[in-house]
Amino acid sequence: MVEKSHRTVALMSFMPRYANLIIQGLKSVEFRKTRFKREVSHIVMYSGAPEMKIIGIIETEGYEEDTPSSLWKRFHKEGGISKEDFMNYYGAASKGTAIKIAKCIPLKKHLKLSAIKQDLRPPQSFIYVDEGVLSKLIPRN
């Protein structure tokens, strides 16, 4: 795990089908239109409707930014998405990001966003959150 002093944590919304593929270990790259402005070490996974809960924590291996067609060529096998859905998602975008997933820690109990902060709303894409969130969500062994 990344040293505590070097952690940057993002809360990210996922479509449930993609979140579940990550939890199952069948998706090791997450495609996004926007890249992080900071080096993110962990992503808190928020699964959207109908679940609307925090379901896991991702440890990242970094990201690659490139054209959508290049990202598809390099990462389609790990992406857990059809080419049609991928192309529809990116549309006319000239750049995209592939976030590499090192590890996923599923939560035994799925939690509401209020477990992080009262009145927290699901982000459209992602928001940065305090690294202390990890100790609230990841159980100690």
N, C-alpha and C. Protein backbone atom coordinates (compact mmCIF):
# COMPACT_ATOMS: atom_id res chain seq x y z
N MET A 1 0.84 -1.18 0.00
CA MET A 1 0.00 0.00 0.00
C MET A 1 0.88 1.24 0.00
N VAL A 2 0.41 2.34 -0.56
CA VAL A 2 1.15 3.58 -0.64
C VAL A 2 1.34 4.16 0.76
N GLU A 3 2.51 4.74 1.02
CA GLU A 3 2.77 5.39 2.31
C GLU A 3 1.69 6.44 2.57
N LYS A 4 1.28 6.56 3.82
CA LYS A 4 0.21 7.47 4.18
C LYS A 4 0.48 8.90 3.72
N SER A 5 1.72 9.36 3.84
CA SER A 5 2.03 10.74 3.48
C SER A 5 2.01 10.97 1.97
N HIS A 6 1.90 9.92 1.18
CA HIS A 6 1.91 10.06 -0.27
C HIS A 6 0.57 9.68 -0.90
N ARG A 7 -0.47 9.67 -0.14
CA ARG A 7 -1.77 9.27 -0.66
C ARG A 7 -2.56 10.47 -1.14
N THR A 8 -3.14 10.33 -2.32
CA THR A 8 -4.17 11.25 -2.78
C THR A 8 -5.35 10.36 -3.13
N VAL A 9 -6.50 10.69 -2.59
CA VAL A 9 -7.68 9.85 -2.72
C VAL A 9 -8.76 10.59 -3.48
N ALA A 10 -9.39 9.89 -4.42
CA ALA A 10 -10.52 10.44 -5.17
C ALA A 10 -11.75 9.58 -4.92
N LEU A 11 -12.88 10.21 -4.83
CA LEU A 11 -14.18 9.52 -4.81
C LEU A 11 -14.69 9.59 -6.23
N MET A 12 -14.98 8.42 -6.82
CA MET A 12 -15.36 8.36 -8.23
C MET A 12 -16.67 7.59 -8.38
N SER A 13 -17.54 8.11 -9.23
CA SER A 13 -18.79 7.43 -9.56
C SER A 13 -18.56 6.43 -10.69
N PHE A 14 -19.19 5.27 -10.55
CA PHE A 14 -19.10 4.20 -11.55
C PHE A 14 -20.50 3.72 -11.90
N MET A 15 -20.69 3.34 -13.15
CA MET A 15 -21.90 2.62 -13.50
C MET A 15 -21.79 1.25 -12.83
N PRO A 16 -22.87 0.75 -12.23
CA PRO A 16 -22.79 -0.51 -11.49
C PRO A 16 -22.17 -1.67 -12.25
N ARG A 17 -22.47 -1.80 -13.55
CA ARG A 17 -21.91 -2.94 -14.29
C ARG A 17 -20.39 -2.89 -14.35
N TYR A 18 -19.81 -1.70 -14.47
CA TYR A 18 -18.35 -1.57 -14.53
C TYR A 18 -17.74 -1.71 -13.14
N ALA A 19 -18.41 -1.17 -12.14
CA ALA A 19 -17.93 -1.33 -10.76
C ALA A 19 -17.86 -2.80 -10.38
N ASN A 20 -18.88 -3.55 -10.75
CA ASN A 20 -18.90 -4.98 -10.43
C ASN A 20 -17.83 -5.76 -11.17
N LEU A 21 -17.53 -5.38 -12.40
CA LEU A 21 -16.44 -6.03 -13.14
C LEU A 21 -15.10 -5.79 -12.45
N ILE A 22 -14.90 -4.59 -11.91
CA ILE A 22 -13.67 -4.29 -11.17
C ILE A 22 -13.61 -5.14 -9.91
N ILE A 23 -14.70 -5.18 -9.16
CA ILE A 23 -14.77 -5.98 -7.92
C ILE A 23 -14.45 -7.44 -8.22
N GLN A 24 -14.96 -7.95 -9.33
CA GLN A 24 -14.76 -9.36 -9.70
C GLN A 24 -13.36 -9.62 -10.29
N GLY A 25 -12.58 -8.57 -10.50
CA GLY A 25 -11.25 -8.73 -11.07
C GLY A 25 -11.24 -8.91 -12.58
N LEU A 26 -12.35 -8.58 -13.25
CA LEU A 26 -12.47 -8.76 -14.69
C LEU A 26 -12.19 -7.48 -15.48
N LYS A 27 -11.96 -6.39 -14.77
CA LYS A 27 -11.68 -5.09 -15.40
C LYS A 27 -10.52 -4.46 -14.64
N SER A 28 -9.40 -4.24 -15.34
CA SER A 28 -8.22 -3.69 -14.66
C SER A 28 -7.81 -2.31 -15.19
N VAL A 29 -8.65 -1.75 -16.04
CA VAL A 29 -8.44 -0.39 -16.56
C VAL A 29 -9.80 0.32 -16.58
N GLU A 30 -9.82 1.54 -16.07
CA GLU A 30 -11.03 2.35 -16.10
C GLU A 30 -10.80 3.51 -17.06
N PHE A 31 -11.68 3.66 -18.03
CA PHE A 31 -11.57 4.72 -19.02
C PHE A 31 -12.34 5.95 -18.56
N ARG A 32 -11.72 7.11 -18.71
CA ARG A 32 -12.36 8.38 -18.36
C ARG A 32 -11.99 9.44 -19.38
N LYS A 33 -12.87 10.43 -19.51
CA LYS A 33 -12.61 11.54 -20.42
C LYS A 33 -11.66 12.56 -19.79
N THR A 34 -11.73 12.68 -18.48
CA THR A 34 -10.94 13.67 -17.76
C THR A 34 -9.87 12.98 -16.94
N ARG A 35 -8.70 13.56 -16.90
CA ARG A 35 -7.64 12.97 -16.10
C ARG A 35 -7.54 13.69 -14.75
N PHE A 36 -6.91 13.02 -13.81
CA PHE A 36 -6.66 13.64 -12.51
C PHE A 36 -5.60 14.72 -12.68
N LYS A 37 -5.72 15.79 -11.92
CA LYS A 37 -4.69 16.83 -11.91
C LYS A 37 -3.60 16.48 -10.89
N ARG A 38 -3.91 15.57 -9.98
CA ARG A 38 -2.95 15.08 -8.98
C ARG A 38 -2.70 13.61 -9.23
N GLU A 39 -1.61 13.09 -8.70
CA GLU A 39 -1.32 11.65 -8.79
C GLU A 39 -2.16 10.94 -7.73
N VAL A 40 -3.19 10.24 -8.15
CA VAL A 40 -4.13 9.58 -7.24
C VAL A 40 -3.65 8.16 -6.94
N SER A 41 -3.54 7.85 -5.65
CA SER A 41 -3.10 6.52 -5.23
C SER A 41 -4.28 5.58 -4.97
N HIS A 42 -5.43 6.14 -4.56
CA HIS A 42 -6.61 5.34 -4.23
C HIS A 42 -7.88 6.00 -4.76
N ILE A 43 -8.80 5.15 -5.17
CA ILE A 43 -10.12 5.62 -5.62
C ILE A 43 -11.18 4.93 -4.77
N VAL A 44 -12.04 5.72 -4.15
CA VAL A 44 -13.20 5.20 -3.45
C VAL A 44 -14.28 5.00 -4.51
N MET A 45 -14.74 3.74 -4.65
CA MET A 45 -15.71 3.40 -5.70
C MET A 45 -17.15 3.62 -5.23
N TYR A 46 -17.83 4.53 -5.89
CA TYR A 46 -19.24 4.76 -5.63
C TYR A 46 -20.03 4.17 -6.79
N SER A 47 -20.84 3.16 -6.50
CA SER A 47 -21.68 2.53 -7.52
C SER A 47 -23.00 3.28 -7.60
N GLY A 48 -23.30 3.78 -8.80
CA GLY A 48 -24.51 4.57 -8.99
C GLY A 48 -25.80 3.76 -8.91
N ALA A 49 -26.90 4.37 -9.34
CA ALA A 49 -28.22 3.76 -9.25
C ALA A 49 -28.24 2.41 -9.98
N PRO A 50 -28.90 1.42 -9.43
CA PRO A 50 -29.82 1.50 -8.30
C PRO A 50 -29.15 1.33 -6.93
N GLU A 51 -27.87 0.91 -6.86
CA GLU A 51 -27.26 0.65 -5.56
C GLU A 51 -26.98 1.92 -4.76
N MET A 52 -26.30 2.87 -5.37
CA MET A 52 -25.98 4.14 -4.75
C MET A 52 -25.26 3.99 -3.41
N LYS A 53 -24.16 3.23 -3.47
CA LYS A 53 -23.36 2.98 -2.26
C LYS A 53 -21.87 2.92 -2.62
N ILE A 54 -21.04 3.09 -1.61
CA ILE A 54 -19.60 2.88 -1.74
C ILE A 54 -19.39 1.38 -1.63
N ILE A 55 -18.71 0.79 -2.62
CA ILE A 55 -18.60 -0.68 -2.65
C ILE A 55 -17.16 -1.19 -2.58
N GLY A 56 -16.18 -0.30 -2.74
CA GLY A 56 -14.80 -0.77 -2.71
C GLY A 56 -13.80 0.35 -2.82
N ILE A 57 -12.53 -0.05 -2.70
CA ILE A 57 -11.40 0.87 -2.81
C ILE A 57 -10.47 0.33 -3.89
N ILE A 58 -10.03 1.18 -4.77
CA ILE A 58 -9.07 0.81 -5.82
C ILE A 58 -7.71 1.39 -5.44
N GLU A 59 -6.68 0.57 -5.56
CA GLU A 59 -5.31 1.07 -5.51
C GLU A 59 -4.87 1.21 -6.96
N THR A 60 -4.40 2.38 -7.33
CA THR A 60 -4.05 2.64 -8.73
C THR A 60 -2.57 2.39 -9.02
N GLU A 61 -2.30 2.16 -10.31
CA GLU A 61 -0.92 2.02 -10.81
C GLU A 61 -0.56 3.18 -11.72
N GLY A 62 -1.32 4.24 -11.65
CA GLY A 62 -1.08 5.38 -12.53
C GLY A 62 -2.10 5.42 -13.65
N TYR A 63 -1.83 6.25 -14.63
CA TYR A 63 -2.76 6.38 -15.75
C TYR A 63 -2.00 6.73 -17.02
N GLU A 64 -2.67 6.49 -18.14
CA GLU A 64 -2.15 6.83 -19.46
C GLU A 64 -3.14 7.77 -20.13
N GLU A 65 -2.63 8.82 -20.72
CA GLU A 65 -3.48 9.74 -21.46
C GLU A 65 -3.09 9.65 -22.93
N ASP A 66 -4.10 9.52 -23.80
CA ASP A 66 -3.83 9.35 -25.23
C ASP A 66 -5.13 9.58 -25.99
N THR A 67 -5.09 9.36 -27.29
CA THR A 67 -6.32 9.45 -28.08
C THR A 67 -7.19 8.24 -27.74
N PRO A 68 -8.51 8.35 -27.86
CA PRO A 68 -9.36 7.21 -27.60
C PRO A 68 -9.00 5.98 -28.44
N SER A 69 -8.69 6.17 -29.71
CA SER A 69 -8.37 5.01 -30.55
C SER A 69 -7.10 4.31 -30.07
N SER A 70 -6.13 5.06 -29.64
CA SER A 70 -4.90 4.47 -29.12
C SER A 70 -5.15 3.76 -27.79
N LEU A 71 -5.96 4.37 -26.92
CA LEU A 71 -6.30 3.72 -25.65
C LEU A 71 -7.02 2.40 -25.91
N TRP A 72 -7.93 2.39 -26.89
CA TRP A 72 -8.65 1.16 -27.22
C TRP A 72 -7.67 0.08 -27.67
N LYS A 73 -6.77 0.43 -28.55
CA LYS A 73 -5.80 -0.55 -29.06
C LYS A 73 -4.96 -1.14 -27.92
N ARG A 74 -4.55 -0.30 -26.99
CA ARG A 74 -3.66 -0.74 -25.92
C ARG A 74 -4.37 -1.46 -24.78
N PHE A 75 -5.62 -1.05 -24.46
CA PHE A 75 -6.23 -1.52 -23.22
C PHE A 75 -7.60 -2.19 -23.37
N HIS A 76 -8.06 -2.46 -24.59
CA HIS A 76 -9.42 -2.98 -24.74
C HIS A 76 -9.62 -4.32 -24.02
N LYS A 77 -8.59 -5.15 -23.94
CA LYS A 77 -8.75 -6.46 -23.28
C LYS A 77 -8.96 -6.33 -21.78
N GLU A 78 -8.42 -5.27 -21.19
CA GLU A 78 -8.55 -5.07 -19.74
C GLU A 78 -9.69 -4.13 -19.37
N GLY A 79 -10.33 -3.53 -20.36
CA GLY A 79 -11.30 -2.46 -20.12
C GLY A 79 -12.71 -2.87 -19.75
N GLY A 80 -13.09 -4.10 -20.03
CA GLY A 80 -14.43 -4.55 -19.64
C GLY A 80 -15.57 -3.80 -20.32
N ILE A 81 -15.32 -3.32 -21.53
CA ILE A 81 -16.34 -2.54 -22.24
C ILE A 81 -16.29 -2.93 -23.72
N SER A 82 -17.45 -2.92 -24.35
CA SER A 82 -17.49 -3.22 -25.79
C SER A 82 -16.93 -2.04 -26.57
N LYS A 83 -16.46 -2.31 -27.78
CA LYS A 83 -15.92 -1.24 -28.62
C LYS A 83 -17.01 -0.20 -28.91
N GLU A 84 -18.21 -0.66 -29.16
CA GLU A 84 -19.32 0.27 -29.45
C GLU A 84 -19.57 1.21 -28.27
N ASP A 85 -19.65 0.66 -27.05
CA ASP A 85 -19.88 1.50 -25.87
C ASP A 85 -18.70 2.44 -25.62
N PHE A 86 -17.50 1.93 -25.85
CA PHE A 86 -16.29 2.74 -25.68
C PHE A 86 -16.33 3.94 -26.63
N MET A 87 -16.59 3.69 -27.90
CA MET A 87 -16.62 4.76 -28.90
C MET A 87 -17.77 5.74 -28.64
N ASN A 88 -18.91 5.23 -28.23
CA ASN A 88 -20.03 6.11 -27.88
C ASN A 88 -19.68 7.00 -26.69
N TYR A 89 -18.98 6.44 -25.71
CA TYR A 89 -18.59 7.20 -24.52
C TYR A 89 -17.67 8.36 -24.90
N TYR A 90 -16.65 8.08 -25.70
CA TYR A 90 -15.69 9.13 -26.06
C TYR A 90 -16.21 10.07 -27.14
N GLY A 91 -17.12 9.61 -27.99
CA GLY A 91 -17.67 10.47 -29.03
C GLY A 91 -16.58 11.14 -29.84
N ALA A 92 -16.60 12.47 -29.91
CA ALA A 92 -15.63 13.22 -30.70
C ALA A 92 -14.44 13.69 -29.86
N ALA A 93 -14.30 13.18 -28.64
CA ALA A 93 -13.19 13.61 -27.77
C ALA A 93 -11.84 13.28 -28.40
N SER A 94 -10.90 14.19 -28.27
CA SER A 94 -9.57 13.97 -28.85
C SER A 94 -8.61 13.30 -27.87
N LYS A 95 -8.93 13.35 -26.59
CA LYS A 95 -8.08 12.75 -25.55
C LYS A 95 -8.93 11.93 -24.60
N GLY A 96 -8.28 10.95 -24.00
CA GLY A 96 -8.92 10.14 -22.98
C GLY A 96 -7.87 9.65 -22.00
N THR A 97 -8.33 9.04 -20.93
CA THR A 97 -7.44 8.55 -19.88
C THR A 97 -7.80 7.11 -19.55
N ALA A 98 -6.77 6.30 -19.38
CA ALA A 98 -6.92 4.92 -18.91
C ALA A 98 -6.29 4.85 -17.53
N ILE A 99 -7.11 4.64 -16.50
CA ILE A 99 -6.61 4.52 -15.14
C ILE A 99 -6.31 3.05 -14.90
N LYS A 100 -5.06 2.76 -14.54
CA LYS A 100 -4.64 1.37 -14.33
C LYS A 100 -4.91 0.96 -12.89
N ILE A 101 -5.57 -0.16 -12.73
CA ILE A 101 -5.97 -0.66 -11.42
C ILE A 101 -4.97 -1.72 -10.96
N ALA A 102 -4.31 -1.46 -9.83
CA ALA A 102 -3.36 -2.43 -9.27
C ALA A 102 -4.09 -3.47 -8.44
N LYS A 103 -5.08 -3.00 -7.67
CA LYS A 103 -5.78 -3.87 -6.72
C LYS A 103 -7.13 -3.25 -6.39
N CYS A 104 -8.10 -4.11 -6.12
CA CYS A 104 -9.41 -3.64 -5.67
C CYS A 104 -9.71 -4.31 -4.34
N ILE A 105 -10.10 -3.52 -3.37
CA ILE A 105 -10.48 -4.03 -2.06
C ILE A 105 -12.00 -3.85 -1.94
N PRO A 106 -12.76 -4.93 -2.10
CA PRO A 106 -14.22 -4.81 -1.95
C PRO A 106 -14.58 -4.57 -0.48
N LEU A 107 -15.58 -3.77 -0.24
CA LEU A 107 -16.06 -3.57 1.13
C LEU A 107 -17.04 -4.68 1.48
N LYS A 108 -16.90 -5.23 2.66
CA LYS A 108 -17.82 -6.29 3.10
C LYS A 108 -19.22 -5.73 3.27
N LYS A 109 -19.30 -4.49 3.75
CA LYS A 109 -20.59 -3.82 3.92
C LYS A 109 -20.56 -2.57 3.05
N HIS A 110 -21.48 -2.48 2.12
CA HIS A 110 -21.57 -1.30 1.27
C HIS A 110 -22.12 -0.13 2.08
N LEU A 111 -21.57 1.05 1.84
CA LEU A 111 -21.86 2.20 2.69
C LEU A 111 -22.46 3.36 1.90
N LYS A 112 -23.26 4.14 2.57
CA LYS A 112 -23.78 5.37 1.99
C LYS A 112 -22.66 6.41 1.97
N LEU A 113 -22.82 7.42 1.11
CA LEU A 113 -21.83 8.50 1.04
C LEU A 113 -21.68 9.23 2.37
N SER A 114 -22.72 9.23 3.19
CA SER A 114 -22.65 9.91 4.48
C SER A 114 -21.61 9.28 5.41
N ALA A 115 -21.12 8.07 5.07
CA ALA A 115 -20.04 7.46 5.85
C ALA A 115 -18.75 8.25 5.70
N ILE A 116 -18.64 9.00 4.60
CA ILE A 116 -17.47 9.85 4.37
C ILE A 116 -17.71 11.25 4.93
N LYS A 117 -18.86 11.80 4.56
CA LYS A 117 -19.18 13.17 4.98
C LYS A 117 -20.69 13.37 4.86
N GLN A 118 -21.27 13.95 5.86
CA GLN A 118 -22.71 14.23 5.85
C GLN A 118 -23.04 15.13 4.67
N ASP A 119 -24.14 14.88 4.01
CA ASP A 119 -24.63 15.68 2.87
C ASP A 119 -23.73 15.63 1.64
N LEU A 120 -22.85 14.62 1.55
CA LEU A 120 -22.00 14.47 0.36
C LEU A 120 -22.85 13.96 -0.79
N ARG A 121 -22.72 14.57 -1.94
CA ARG A 121 -23.46 14.17 -3.14
C ARG A 121 -22.53 13.36 -4.04
N PRO A 122 -23.09 12.43 -4.83
CA PRO A 122 -22.25 11.67 -5.76
C PRO A 122 -21.62 12.60 -6.79
N PRO A 123 -20.33 12.46 -7.04
CA PRO A 123 -19.71 13.32 -8.03
C PRO A 123 -20.12 12.92 -9.44
N GLN A 124 -20.17 13.89 -10.34
CA GLN A 124 -20.46 13.60 -11.74
C GLN A 124 -19.39 12.67 -12.30
N SER A 125 -18.13 12.97 -12.01
CA SER A 125 -17.03 12.12 -12.42
C SER A 125 -16.24 11.71 -11.18
N PHE A 126 -15.53 12.68 -10.57
CA PHE A 126 -14.79 12.40 -9.34
C PHE A 126 -14.56 13.68 -8.56
N ILE A 127 -14.25 13.52 -7.27
CA ILE A 127 -13.79 14.62 -6.43
C ILE A 127 -12.67 14.08 -5.55
N TYR A 128 -11.79 14.95 -5.12
CA TYR A 128 -10.75 14.55 -4.19
C TYR A 128 -11.34 14.55 -2.78
N VAL A 129 -10.94 13.57 -1.98
CA VAL A 129 -11.39 13.48 -0.59
C VAL A 129 -10.18 13.31 0.32
N ASP A 130 -10.38 13.59 1.59
CA ASP A 130 -9.32 13.48 2.57
C ASP A 130 -8.82 12.04 2.67
N GLU A 131 -7.51 11.85 2.79
CA GLU A 131 -6.95 10.50 2.85
C GLU A 131 -7.42 9.74 4.09
N GLY A 132 -7.90 10.43 5.11
CA GLY A 132 -8.43 9.78 6.31
C GLY A 132 -9.63 8.89 6.02
N VAL A 133 -10.25 9.12 4.87
CA VAL A 133 -11.39 8.29 4.46
C VAL A 133 -10.99 6.82 4.37
N LEU A 134 -9.76 6.56 3.94
CA LEU A 134 -9.32 5.17 3.79
C LEU A 134 -9.37 4.40 5.10
N SER A 135 -8.94 5.02 6.17
CA SER A 135 -8.95 4.32 7.46
C SER A 135 -10.38 4.09 7.96
N LYS A 136 -11.31 4.92 7.52
CA LYS A 136 -12.72 4.71 7.87
C LYS A 136 -13.31 3.52 7.11
N LEU A 137 -12.84 3.32 5.87
CA LEU A 137 -13.47 2.34 4.98
C LEU A 137 -12.76 0.98 4.95
N ILE A 138 -11.43 0.98 5.05
CA ILE A 138 -10.69 -0.28 4.95
C ILE A 138 -10.50 -0.86 6.34
N PRO A 139 -11.04 -2.05 6.58
CA PRO A 139 -10.90 -2.66 7.91
C PRO A 139 -9.46 -3.05 8.19
N ARG A 140 -9.06 -2.91 9.45
CA ARG A 140 -7.73 -3.33 9.88
C ARG A 140 -7.70 -4.85 10.00
N ASN A 141 -6.57 -5.45 9.63
CA ASN A 141 -6.42 -6.92 9.74
C ASN A 141 -6.08 -7.32 11.16
